[in-house]
Amino acid sequence: TFGGVFARESVREAFLKTVPRQQLVETIVQELNPDAEPLDSQLFLPD
């Protein structure tokens, strides 16, 4: 949310640096889709 604790871009960036996207994919998705990787676009999907 662009306000409150995340009003400053630096705090938003700090939080995003902690997000374990690779671990999320490995834990939640890769057993079903071994080729799955963290998503690197907000507007497009890998296919």
All heavy atoms as atom14 arrays in JSON, in Angstrom:
{
  "sequence": "TFGGVFARESVREAFLKTVPRQQLVETIVQELNPDAEPLDSQLFLPD",
  "atom14_mask": [
    [1, 1, 1, 1, 1, 1, 1, 0, 0, 0, 0, 0, 0, 0],
    [1, 1, 1, 1, 1, 1, 1, 1, 1, 1, 1, 0, 0, 0],
    [1, 1, 1, 1, 0, 0, 0, 0, 0, 0, 0, 0, 0, 0],
    [1, 1, 1, 1, 0, 0, 0, 0, 0, 0, 0, 0, 0, 0],
    [1, 1, 1, 1, 1, 1, 1, 0, 0, 0, 0, 0, 0, 0],
    [1, 1, 1, 1, 1, 1, 1, 1, 1, 1, 1, 0, 0, 0],
    [1, 1, 1, 1, 1, 0, 0, 0, 0, 0, 0, 0, 0, 0],
    [1, 1, 1, 1, 1, 1, 1, 1, 1, 1, 1, 0, 0, 0],
    [1, 1, 1, 1, 1, 1, 1, 1, 1, 0, 0, 0, 0, 0],
    [1, 1, 1, 1, 1, 1, 0, 0, 0, 0, 0, 0, 0, 0],
    [1, 1, 1, 1, 1, 1, 1, 0, 0, 0, 0, 0, 0, 0],
    [1, 1, 1, 1, 1, 1, 1, 1, 1, 1, 1, 0, 0, 0],
    [1, 1, 1, 1, 1, 1, 1, 1, 1, 0, 0, 0, 0, 0],
    [1, 1, 1, 1, 1, 0, 0, 0, 0, 0, 0, 0, 0, 0],
    [1, 1, 1, 1, 1, 1, 1, 1, 1, 1, 1, 0, 0, 0],
    [1, 1, 1, 1, 1, 1, 1, 1, 0, 0, 0, 0, 0, 0],
    [1, 1, 1, 1, 1, 1, 1, 1, 1, 0, 0, 0, 0, 0],
    [1, 1, 1, 1, 1, 1, 1, 0, 0, 0, 0, 0, 0, 0],
    [1, 1, 1, 1, 1, 1, 1, 0, 0, 0, 0, 0, 0, 0],
    [1, 1, 1, 1, 1, 1, 1, 0, 0, 0, 0, 0, 0, 0],
    [1, 1, 1, 1, 1, 1, 1, 1, 1, 1, 1, 0, 0, 0],
    [1, 1, 1, 1, 1, 1, 1, 1, 1, 0, 0, 0, 0, 0],
    [1, 1, 1, 1, 1, 1, 1, 1, 1, 0, 0, 0, 0, 0],
    [1, 1, 1, 1, 1, 1, 1, 1, 0, 0, 0, 0, 0, 0],
    [1, 1, 1, 1, 1, 1, 1, 0, 0, 0, 0, 0, 0, 0],
    [1, 1, 1, 1, 1, 1, 1, 1, 1, 0, 0, 0, 0, 0],
    [1, 1, 1, 1, 1, 1, 1, 0, 0, 0, 0, 0, 0, 0],
    [1, 1, 1, 1, 1, 1, 1, 1, 0, 0, 0, 0, 0, 0],
    [1, 1, 1, 1, 1, 1, 1, 0, 0, 0, 0, 0, 0, 0],
    [1, 1, 1, 1, 1, 1, 1, 1, 1, 0, 0, 0, 0, 0],
    [1, 1, 1, 1, 1, 1, 1, 1, 1, 0, 0, 0, 0, 0],
    [1, 1, 1, 1, 1, 1, 1, 1, 0, 0, 0, 0, 0, 0],
    [1, 1, 1, 1, 1, 1, 1, 1, 0, 0, 0, 0, 0, 0],
    [1, 1, 1, 1, 1, 1, 1, 0, 0, 0, 0, 0, 0, 0],
    [1, 1, 1, 1, 1, 1, 1, 1, 0, 0, 0, 0, 0, 0],
    [1, 1, 1, 1, 1, 0, 0, 0, 0, 0, 0, 0, 0, 0],
    [1, 1, 1, 1, 1, 1, 1, 1, 1, 0, 0, 0, 0, 0],
    [1, 1, 1, 1, 1, 1, 1, 0, 0, 0, 0, 0, 0, 0],
    [1, 1, 1, 1, 1, 1, 1, 1, 0, 0, 0, 0, 0, 0],
    [1, 1, 1, 1, 1, 1, 1, 1, 0, 0, 0, 0, 0, 0],
    [1, 1, 1, 1, 1, 1, 0, 0, 0, 0, 0, 0, 0, 0],
    [1, 1, 1, 1, 1, 1, 1, 1, 1, 0, 0, 0, 0, 0],
    [1, 1, 1, 1, 1, 1, 1, 1, 0, 0, 0, 0, 0, 0],
    [1, 1, 1, 1, 1, 1, 1, 1, 1, 1, 1, 0, 0, 0],
    [1, 1, 1, 1, 1, 1, 1, 1, 0, 0, 0, 0, 0, 0],
    [1, 1, 1, 1, 1, 1, 1, 0, 0, 0, 0, 0, 0, 0],
    [1, 1, 1, 1, 1, 1, 1, 1, 0, 0, 0, 0, 0, 0]
  ],
  "atom14_positions": [
    [[0.83, -1.19, 0.0], [0.0, 0.0, 0.0], [0.87, 1.25, 0.0], [1.79, 1.38, 0.81], [-0.92, 0.0, 1.23], [-1.74, -1.17, 1.2], [-1.8, 1.23, 1.23], [0.0, 0.0, 0.0], [0.0, 0.0, 0.0], [0.0, 0.0, 0.0], [0.0, 0.0, 0.0], [0.0, 0.0, 0.0], [0.0, 0.0, 0.0], [0.0, 0.0, 0.0]],
    [[0.57, 2.17, -0.93], [1.35, 3.4, -1.06], [0.89, 4.43, -0.03], [0.27, 5.43, -0.34], [1.22, 3.98, -2.48], [2.05, 3.25, -3.49], [1.75, 1.94, -3.84], [3.13, 3.86, -4.1], [2.5, 1.26, -4.77], [3.9, 3.18, -5.05], [3.58, 1.87, -5.38], [0.0, 0.0, 0.0], [0.0, 0.0, 0.0], [0.0, 0.0, 0.0]],
    [[1.17, 4.17, 1.21], [0.77, 5.02, 2.31], [1.13, 4.34, 3.61], [1.57, 3.19, 3.63], [0.0, 0.0, 0.0], [0.0, 0.0, 0.0], [0.0, 0.0, 0.0], [0.0, 0.0, 0.0], [0.0, 0.0, 0.0], [0.0, 0.0, 0.0], [0.0, 0.0, 0.0], [0.0, 0.0, 0.0], [0.0, 0.0, 0.0], [0.0, 0.0, 0.0]],
    [[0.96, 5.04, 4.73], [1.27, 4.44, 6.02], [2.72, 4.02, 6.09], [3.63, 4.77, 5.73], [0.0, 0.0, 0.0], [0.0, 0.0, 0.0], [0.0, 0.0, 0.0], [0.0, 0.0, 0.0], [0.0, 0.0, 0.0], [0.0, 0.0, 0.0], [0.0, 0.0, 0.0], [0.0, 0.0, 0.0], [0.0, 0.0, 0.0], [0.0, 0.0, 0.0]],
    [[2.95, 2.81, 6.55], [4.32, 2.32, 6.74], [5.08, 2.26, 5.42], [6.32, 2.37, 5.4], [4.29, 0.93, 7.42], [3.68, -0.13, 6.52], [5.68, 0.51, 7.86], [0.0, 0.0, 0.0], [0.0, 0.0, 0.0], [0.0, 0.0, 0.0], [0.0, 0.0, 0.0], [0.0, 0.0, 0.0], [0.0, 0.0, 0.0], [0.0, 0.0, 0.0]],
    [[4.38, 2.12, 4.3], [5.04, 2.01, 3.0], [4.96, 3.29, 2.19], [5.11, 3.26, 0.96], [4.45, 0.85, 2.21], [4.88, -0.51, 2.7], [3.94, -1.51, 2.9], [6.21, -0.78, 2.96], [4.32, -2.76, 3.34], [6.61, -2.04, 3.41], [5.66, -3.04, 3.61], [0.0, 0.0, 0.0], [0.0, 0.0, 0.0], [0.0, 0.0, 0.0]],
    [[4.74, 4.43, 2.84], [4.7, 5.7, 2.11], [6.06, 6.01, 1.48], [6.13, 6.62, 0.41], [4.28, 6.83, 3.05], [0.0, 0.0, 0.0], [0.0, 0.0, 0.0], [0.0, 0.0, 0.0], [0.0, 0.0, 0.0], [0.0, 0.0, 0.0], [0.0, 0.0, 0.0], [0.0, 0.0, 0.0], [0.0, 0.0, 0.0], [0.0, 0.0, 0.0]],
    [[7.14, 5.59, 2.13], [8.5, 5.83, 1.61], [8.91, 4.68, 0.7], [8.79, 3.5, 1.07], [9.49, 5.99, 2.75], [9.29, 7.26, 3.57], [10.17, 7.23, 4.81], [11.58, 7.0, 4.46], [12.5, 6.6, 5.33], [12.15, 6.36, 6.59], [13.76, 6.44, 4.94], [0.0, 0.0, 0.0], [0.0, 0.0, 0.0], [0.0, 0.0, 0.0]],
    [[9.45, 5.04, -0.45], [9.88, 4.03, -1.41], [10.97, 3.14, -0.83], [11.03, 1.94, -1.11], [10.38, 4.7, -2.69], [10.83, 3.71, -3.76], [11.31, 4.39, -5.02], [10.63, 5.32, -5.5], [12.38, 3.99, -5.52], [0.0, 0.0, 0.0], [0.0, 0.0, 0.0], [0.0, 0.0, 0.0], [0.0, 0.0, 0.0], [0.0, 0.0, 0.0]],
    [[11.83, 3.69, 0.0], [12.93, 2.91, 0.56], [12.41, 1.78, 1.45], [12.99, 0.69, 1.49], [13.89, 3.8, 1.34], [13.22, 4.43, 2.43], [0.0, 0.0, 0.0], [0.0, 0.0, 0.0], [0.0, 0.0, 0.0], [0.0, 0.0, 0.0], [0.0, 0.0, 0.0], [0.0, 0.0, 0.0], [0.0, 0.0, 0.0], [0.0, 0.0, 0.0]],
    [[11.31, 2.03, 2.18], [10.75, 0.99, 3.03], [10.09, -0.08, 2.17], [10.18, -1.28, 2.46], [9.74, 1.59, 4.03], [9.17, 0.51, 4.95], [10.41, 2.69, 4.87], [0.0, 0.0, 0.0], [0.0, 0.0, 0.0], [0.0, 0.0, 0.0], [0.0, 0.0, 0.0], [0.0, 0.0, 0.0], [0.0, 0.0, 0.0], [0.0, 0.0, 0.0]],
    [[9.42, 0.35, 1.09], [8.84, -0.64, 0.18], [9.94, -1.52, -0.41], [9.81, -2.75, -0.46], [8.07, 0.06, -0.95], [6.86, 0.85, -0.48], [5.89, 1.15, -1.61], [6.47, 1.93, -2.7], [6.53, 3.25, -2.74], [6.08, 3.96, -1.7], [7.04, 3.89, -3.78], [0.0, 0.0, 0.0], [0.0, 0.0, 0.0], [0.0, 0.0, 0.0]],
    [[11.02, -0.88, -0.85], [12.11, -1.65, -1.45], [12.73, -2.61, -0.43], [13.06, -3.76, -0.76], [13.18, -0.72, -2.01], [14.32, -1.46, -2.68], [15.28, -0.54, -3.41], [14.97, 0.68, -3.53], [16.32, -1.03, -3.88], [0.0, 0.0, 0.0], [0.0, 0.0, 0.0], [0.0, 0.0, 0.0], [0.0, 0.0, 0.0], [0.0, 0.0, 0.0]],
    [[12.87, -2.15, 0.8], [13.44, -3.01, 1.84], [12.58, -4.26, 2.02], [13.1, -5.38, 2.13], [13.57, -2.24, 3.15], [0.0, 0.0, 0.0], [0.0, 0.0, 0.0], [0.0, 0.0, 0.0], [0.0, 0.0, 0.0], [0.0, 0.0, 0.0], [0.0, 0.0, 0.0], [0.0, 0.0, 0.0], [0.0, 0.0, 0.0], [0.0, 0.0, 0.0]],
    [[11.27, -4.07, 2.07], [10.39, -5.23, 2.29], [10.47, -6.19, 1.1], [10.55, -7.41, 1.28], [8.95, -4.77, 2.5], [8.05, -5.85, 3.02], [8.02, -6.16, 4.37], [7.25, -6.59, 2.16], [7.2, -7.16, 4.86], [6.43, -7.59, 2.63], [6.4, -7.88, 3.99], [0.0, 0.0, 0.0], [0.0, 0.0, 0.0], [0.0, 0.0, 0.0]],
    [[10.49, -5.64, -0.1], [10.54, -6.5, -1.29], [11.83, -7.29, -1.35], [11.85, -8.42, -1.87], [10.37, -5.65, -2.55], [9.04, -4.89, -2.68], [8.97, -4.15, -4.01], [7.85, -5.83, -2.53], [0.0, 0.0, 0.0], [0.0, 0.0, 0.0], [0.0, 0.0, 0.0], [0.0, 0.0, 0.0], [0.0, 0.0, 0.0], [0.0, 0.0, 0.0]],
    [[12.91, -6.73, -0.83], [14.19, -7.46, -0.82], [14.13, -8.71, 0.06], [14.96, -9.61, -0.08], [15.32, -6.54, -0.33], [15.82, -5.55, -1.38], [16.94, -4.68, -0.82], [17.53, -3.76, -1.88], [18.27, -4.5, -2.93], [0.0, 0.0, 0.0], [0.0, 0.0, 0.0], [0.0, 0.0, 0.0], [0.0, 0.0, 0.0], [0.0, 0.0, 0.0]],
    [[13.16, -8.77, 0.97], [13.08, -9.91, 1.88], [12.19, -11.03, 1.35], [12.15, -12.12, 1.93], [12.52, -9.49, 3.25], [11.12, -9.18, 3.14], [13.27, -8.28, 3.8], [0.0, 0.0, 0.0], [0.0, 0.0, 0.0], [0.0, 0.0, 0.0], [0.0, 0.0, 0.0], [0.0, 0.0, 0.0], [0.0, 0.0, 0.0], [0.0, 0.0, 0.0]],
    [[11.47, -10.8, 0.27], [10.47, -11.77, -0.19], [11.16, -12.96, -0.86], [11.86, -12.8, -1.87], [9.48, -11.12, -1.17], [8.48, -12.16, -1.69], [8.75, -9.96, -0.5], [0.0, 0.0, 0.0], [0.0, 0.0, 0.0], [0.0, 0.0, 0.0], [0.0, 0.0, 0.0], [0.0, 0.0, 0.0], [0.0, 0.0, 0.0], [0.0, 0.0, 0.0]],
    [[10.98, -14.16, -0.33], [11.68, -15.35, -0.86], [10.91, -15.97, -2.03], [10.35, -17.06, -1.94], [11.71, -16.29, 0.36], [10.43, -15.96, 1.09], [10.19, -14.48, 0.87], [0.0, 0.0, 0.0], [0.0, 0.0, 0.0], [0.0, 0.0, 0.0], [0.0, 0.0, 0.0], [0.0, 0.0, 0.0], [0.0, 0.0, 0.0], [0.0, 0.0, 0.0]],
    [[10.94, -15.27, -3.16], [10.13, -15.73, -4.29], [10.53, -17.13, -4.78], [9.68, -17.95, -5.12], [10.21, -14.72, -5.43], [9.55, -13.4, -5.11], [9.21, -12.63, -6.39], [10.41, -12.33, -7.15], [10.43, -12.18, -8.47], [9.32, -12.32, -9.18], [11.55, -11.88, -9.1], [0.0, 0.0, 0.0], [0.0, 0.0, 0.0], [0.0, 0.0, 0.0]],
    [[11.82, -17.4, -4.83], [12.27, -18.72, -5.29], [11.77, -19.81, -4.34], [11.31, -20.87, -4.78], [13.79, -18.75, -5.39], [14.35, -20.07, -5.92], [13.9, -20.36, -7.34], [13.88, -19.47, -8.18], [13.54, -21.6, -7.61], [0.0, 0.0, 0.0], [0.0, 0.0, 0.0], [0.0, 0.0, 0.0], [0.0, 0.0, 0.0], [0.0, 0.0, 0.0]],
    [[11.83, -19.53, -3.04], [11.36, -20.51, -2.07], [9.85, -20.73, -2.21], [9.36, -21.86, -2.07], [11.69, -20.04, -0.64], [11.34, -21.06, 0.43], [11.63, -20.55, 1.85], [11.94, -19.37, 2.04], [11.54, -21.43, 2.82], [0.0, 0.0, 0.0], [0.0, 0.0, 0.0], [0.0, 0.0, 0.0], [0.0, 0.0, 0.0], [0.0, 0.0, 0.0]],
    [[9.11, -19.65, -2.48], [7.67, -19.77, -2.67], [7.37, -20.69, -3.85], [6.49, -21.57, -3.77], [7.04, -18.41, -2.91], [7.02, -17.42, -1.74], [6.5, -16.07, -2.19], [6.18, -17.95, -0.6], [0.0, 0.0, 0.0], [0.0, 0.0, 0.0], [0.0, 0.0, 0.0], [0.0, 0.0, 0.0], [0.0, 0.0, 0.0], [0.0, 0.0, 0.0]],
    [[8.08, -20.48, -4.95], [7.86, -21.3, -6.13], [8.2, -22.76, -5.85], [7.46, -23.68, -6.21], [8.67, -20.76, -7.32], [8.63, -21.73, -8.49], [8.13, -19.4, -7.75], [0.0, 0.0, 0.0], [0.0, 0.0, 0.0], [0.0, 0.0, 0.0], [0.0, 0.0, 0.0], [0.0, 0.0, 0.0], [0.0, 0.0, 0.0], [0.0, 0.0, 0.0]],
    [[9.34, -22.98, -5.2], [9.77, -24.35, -4.91], [8.79, -25.05, -3.98], [8.5, -26.24, -4.14], [11.17, -24.35, -4.29], [12.26, -23.91, -5.26], [13.61, -23.75, -4.59], [13.67, -23.93, -3.34], [14.6, -23.44, -5.28], [0.0, 0.0, 0.0], [0.0, 0.0, 0.0], [0.0, 0.0, 0.0], [0.0, 0.0, 0.0], [0.0, 0.0, 0.0]],
    [[8.26, -24.32, -3.01], [7.38, -24.91, -2.0], [5.97, -25.13, -2.52], [5.33, -26.16, -2.23], [7.33, -24.02, -0.75], [8.66, -23.81, -0.27], [6.48, -24.64, 0.34], [0.0, 0.0, 0.0], [0.0, 0.0, 0.0], [0.0, 0.0, 0.0], [0.0, 0.0, 0.0], [0.0, 0.0, 0.0], [0.0, 0.0, 0.0], [0.0, 0.0, 0.0]],
    [[5.45, -24.18, -3.29], [4.04, -24.18, -3.66], [3.78, -24.71, -5.06], [2.78, -25.39, -5.29], [3.46, -22.76, -3.51], [3.59, -22.3, -2.05], [2.01, -22.69, -3.97], [3.21, -20.84, -1.85], [0.0, 0.0, 0.0], [0.0, 0.0, 0.0], [0.0, 0.0, 0.0], [0.0, 0.0, 0.0], [0.0, 0.0, 0.0], [0.0, 0.0, 0.0]],
    [[4.68, -24.44, -6.0], [4.35, -24.68, -7.41], [5.16, -25.79, -8.06], [4.64, -26.56, -8.85], [4.54, -23.38, -8.23], [4.05, -23.58, -9.66], [3.8, -22.22, -7.6], [0.0, 0.0, 0.0], [0.0, 0.0, 0.0], [0.0, 0.0, 0.0], [0.0, 0.0, 0.0], [0.0, 0.0, 0.0], [0.0, 0.0, 0.0], [0.0, 0.0, 0.0]],
    [[6.47, -25.91, -7.72], [7.33, -26.77, -8.52], [7.02, -28.25, -8.43], [7.31, -29.0, -9.36], [8.8, -26.51, -8.17], [9.38, -25.29, -8.85], [10.88, -25.17, -8.72], [11.52, -25.92, -7.97], [11.45, -24.22, -9.44], [0.0, 0.0, 0.0], [0.0, 0.0, 0.0], [0.0, 0.0, 0.0], [0.0, 0.0, 0.0], [0.0, 0.0, 0.0]],
    [[6.41, -28.68, -7.35], [6.02, -30.09, -7.31], [5.0, -30.41, -8.37], [4.94, -31.52, -8.89], [5.48, -30.45, -5.91], [6.56, -30.64, -4.86], [6.0, -31.25, -3.59], [5.17, -32.18, -3.69], [6.34, -30.78, -2.5], [0.0, 0.0, 0.0], [0.0, 0.0, 0.0], [0.0, 0.0, 0.0], [0.0, 0.0, 0.0], [0.0, 0.0, 0.0]],
    [[4.19, -29.43, -8.7], [3.17, -29.61, -9.73], [3.71, -29.26, -11.11], [3.37, -29.88, -12.11], [1.95, -28.73, -9.41], [0.68, -28.99, -10.21], [0.19, -30.42, -9.99], [-0.4, -28.0, -9.79], [0.0, 0.0, 0.0], [0.0, 0.0, 0.0], [0.0, 0.0, 0.0], [0.0, 0.0, 0.0], [0.0, 0.0, 0.0], [0.0, 0.0, 0.0]],
    [[4.56, -28.24, -11.16], [5.17, -27.81, -12.42], [6.66, -27.61, -12.18], [7.1, -26.53, -11.77], [4.52, -26.5, -12.91], [5.15, -25.99, -14.19], [5.97, -26.67, -14.82], [4.77, -24.79, -14.59], [0.0, 0.0, 0.0], [0.0, 0.0, 0.0], [0.0, 0.0, 0.0], [0.0, 0.0, 0.0], [0.0, 0.0, 0.0], [0.0, 0.0, 0.0]],
    [[7.47, -28.62, -12.44], [8.91, -28.54, -12.14], [9.61, -27.41, -12.87], [10.69, -26.97, -12.45], [9.44, -29.9, -12.61], [8.25, -30.81, -12.59], [7.08, -29.95, -12.95], [0.0, 0.0, 0.0], [0.0, 0.0, 0.0], [0.0, 0.0, 0.0], [0.0, 0.0, 0.0], [0.0, 0.0, 0.0], [0.0, 0.0, 0.0], [0.0, 0.0, 0.0]],
    [[9.04, -26.93, -13.97], [9.67, -25.86, -14.74], [9.28, -24.46, -14.26], [9.74, -23.45, -14.82], [9.29, -25.99, -16.22], [9.79, -27.29, -16.84], [10.87, -27.76, -16.42], [9.1, -27.84, -17.71], [0.0, 0.0, 0.0], [0.0, 0.0, 0.0], [0.0, 0.0, 0.0], [0.0, 0.0, 0.0], [0.0, 0.0, 0.0], [0.0, 0.0, 0.0]],
    [[8.45, -24.38, -13.25], [7.96, -23.08, -12.78], [9.11, -22.25, -12.2], [10.02, -22.78, -11.56], [6.88, -23.27, -11.72], [0.0, 0.0, 0.0], [0.0, 0.0, 0.0], [0.0, 0.0, 0.0], [0.0, 0.0, 0.0], [0.0, 0.0, 0.0], [0.0, 0.0, 0.0], [0.0, 0.0, 0.0], [0.0, 0.0, 0.0], [0.0, 0.0, 0.0]],
    [[9.05, -20.95, -12.45], [10.02, -20.0, -11.92], [9.28, -18.8, -11.36], [8.11, -18.57, -11.69], [10.99, -19.56, -13.03], [11.85, -20.68, -13.58], [12.78, -20.18, -14.67], [12.63, -19.02, -15.1], [13.66, -20.97, -15.1], [0.0, 0.0, 0.0], [0.0, 0.0, 0.0], [0.0, 0.0, 0.0], [0.0, 0.0, 0.0], [0.0, 0.0, 0.0]],
    [[9.96, -17.98, -10.53], [9.31, -16.75, -10.07], [8.87, -15.9, -11.26], [9.59, -15.81, -12.27], [10.41, -16.06, -9.26], [11.28, -17.19, -8.79], [11.28, -18.18, -9.9], [0.0, 0.0, 0.0], [0.0, 0.0, 0.0], [0.0, 0.0, 0.0], [0.0, 0.0, 0.0], [0.0, 0.0, 0.0], [0.0, 0.0, 0.0], [0.0, 0.0, 0.0]],
    [[7.74, -15.29, -11.14], [7.2, -14.47, -12.22], [7.88, -13.11, -12.22], [7.96, -12.44, -11.19], [5.69, -14.31, -12.03], [4.93, -13.6, -13.14], [5.02, -14.38, -14.45], [3.46, -13.45, -12.74], [0.0, 0.0, 0.0], [0.0, 0.0, 0.0], [0.0, 0.0, 0.0], [0.0, 0.0, 0.0], [0.0, 0.0, 0.0], [0.0, 0.0, 0.0]],
    [[8.34, -12.67, -13.4], [9.12, -11.43, -13.5], [8.41, -10.35, -14.31], [9.07, -9.5, -14.91], [10.49, -11.73, -14.11], [11.41, -12.44, -13.13], [11.25, -12.23, -11.92], [12.29, -13.2, -13.59], [0.0, 0.0, 0.0], [0.0, 0.0, 0.0], [0.0, 0.0, 0.0], [0.0, 0.0, 0.0], [0.0, 0.0, 0.0], [0.0, 0.0, 0.0]],
    [[7.11, -10.36, -14.33], [6.35, -9.3, -15.0], [5.01, -9.13, -14.3], [4.41, -10.1, -13.84], [6.13, -9.62, -16.48], [5.25, -8.68, -17.07], [0.0, 0.0, 0.0], [0.0, 0.0, 0.0], [0.0, 0.0, 0.0], [0.0, 0.0, 0.0], [0.0, 0.0, 0.0], [0.0, 0.0, 0.0], [0.0, 0.0, 0.0], [0.0, 0.0, 0.0]],
    [[4.56, -7.87, -14.22], [3.24, -7.59, -13.67], [2.15, -7.67, -14.74], [0.96, -7.72, -14.41], [3.22, -6.19, -13.04], [4.06, -6.04, -11.79], [3.36, -6.54, -10.54], [2.31, -7.16, -10.61], [3.95, -6.27, -9.39], [0.0, 0.0, 0.0], [0.0, 0.0, 0.0], [0.0, 0.0, 0.0], [0.0, 0.0, 0.0], [0.0, 0.0, 0.0]],
    [[2.54, -7.67, -16.02], [1.55, -7.58, -17.1], [1.53, -8.77, -18.04], [0.57, -8.96, -18.78], [1.79, -6.3, -17.92], [1.71, -4.97, -17.17], [1.82, -3.82, -18.16], [0.42, -4.86, -16.37], [0.0, 0.0, 0.0], [0.0, 0.0, 0.0], [0.0, 0.0, 0.0], [0.0, 0.0, 0.0], [0.0, 0.0, 0.0], [0.0, 0.0, 0.0]],
    [[2.59, -9.56, -18.05], [2.67, -10.69, -18.97], [2.95, -11.97, -18.2], [3.57, -11.95, -17.14], [3.78, -10.48, -20.01], [3.6, -9.27, -20.88], [4.4, -8.14, -20.68], [2.64, -9.26, -21.87], [4.24, -7.03, -21.48], [2.48, -8.14, -22.68], [3.28, -7.02, -22.48], [0.0, 0.0, 0.0], [0.0, 0.0, 0.0], [0.0, 0.0, 0.0]],
    [[2.53, -13.09, -18.78], [2.81, -14.4, -18.23], [3.85, -15.1, -19.11], [4.01, -14.75, -20.29], [1.53, -15.24, -18.16], [0.48, -14.69, -17.18], [-0.83, -15.45, -17.33], [0.98, -14.76, -15.74], [0.0, 0.0, 0.0], [0.0, 0.0, 0.0], [0.0, 0.0, 0.0], [0.0, 0.0, 0.0], [0.0, 0.0, 0.0], [0.0, 0.0, 0.0]],
    [[4.57, -16.1, -18.58], [5.68, -16.7, -19.32], [5.3, -17.29, -20.67], [6.15, -17.35, -21.57], [6.18, -17.79, -18.37], [5.84, -17.28, -17.01], [4.52, -16.57, -17.19], [0.0, 0.0, 0.0], [0.0, 0.0, 0.0], [0.0, 0.0, 0.0], [0.0, 0.0, 0.0], [0.0, 0.0, 0.0], [0.0, 0.0, 0.0], [0.0, 0.0, 0.0]],
    [[4.05, -17.73, -20.85], [3.67, -18.3, -22.13], [3.16, -17.25, -23.11], [2.65, -17.59, -24.18], [2.62, -19.4, -21.94], [1.54, -19.04, -20.94], [1.48, -17.88, -20.54], [0.76, -19.93, -20.57], [0.0, 0.0, 0.0], [0.0, 0.0, 0.0], [0.0, 0.0, 0.0], [0.0, 0.0, 0.0], [0.0, 0.0, 0.0], [0.0, 0.0, 0.0]]
  ]
}
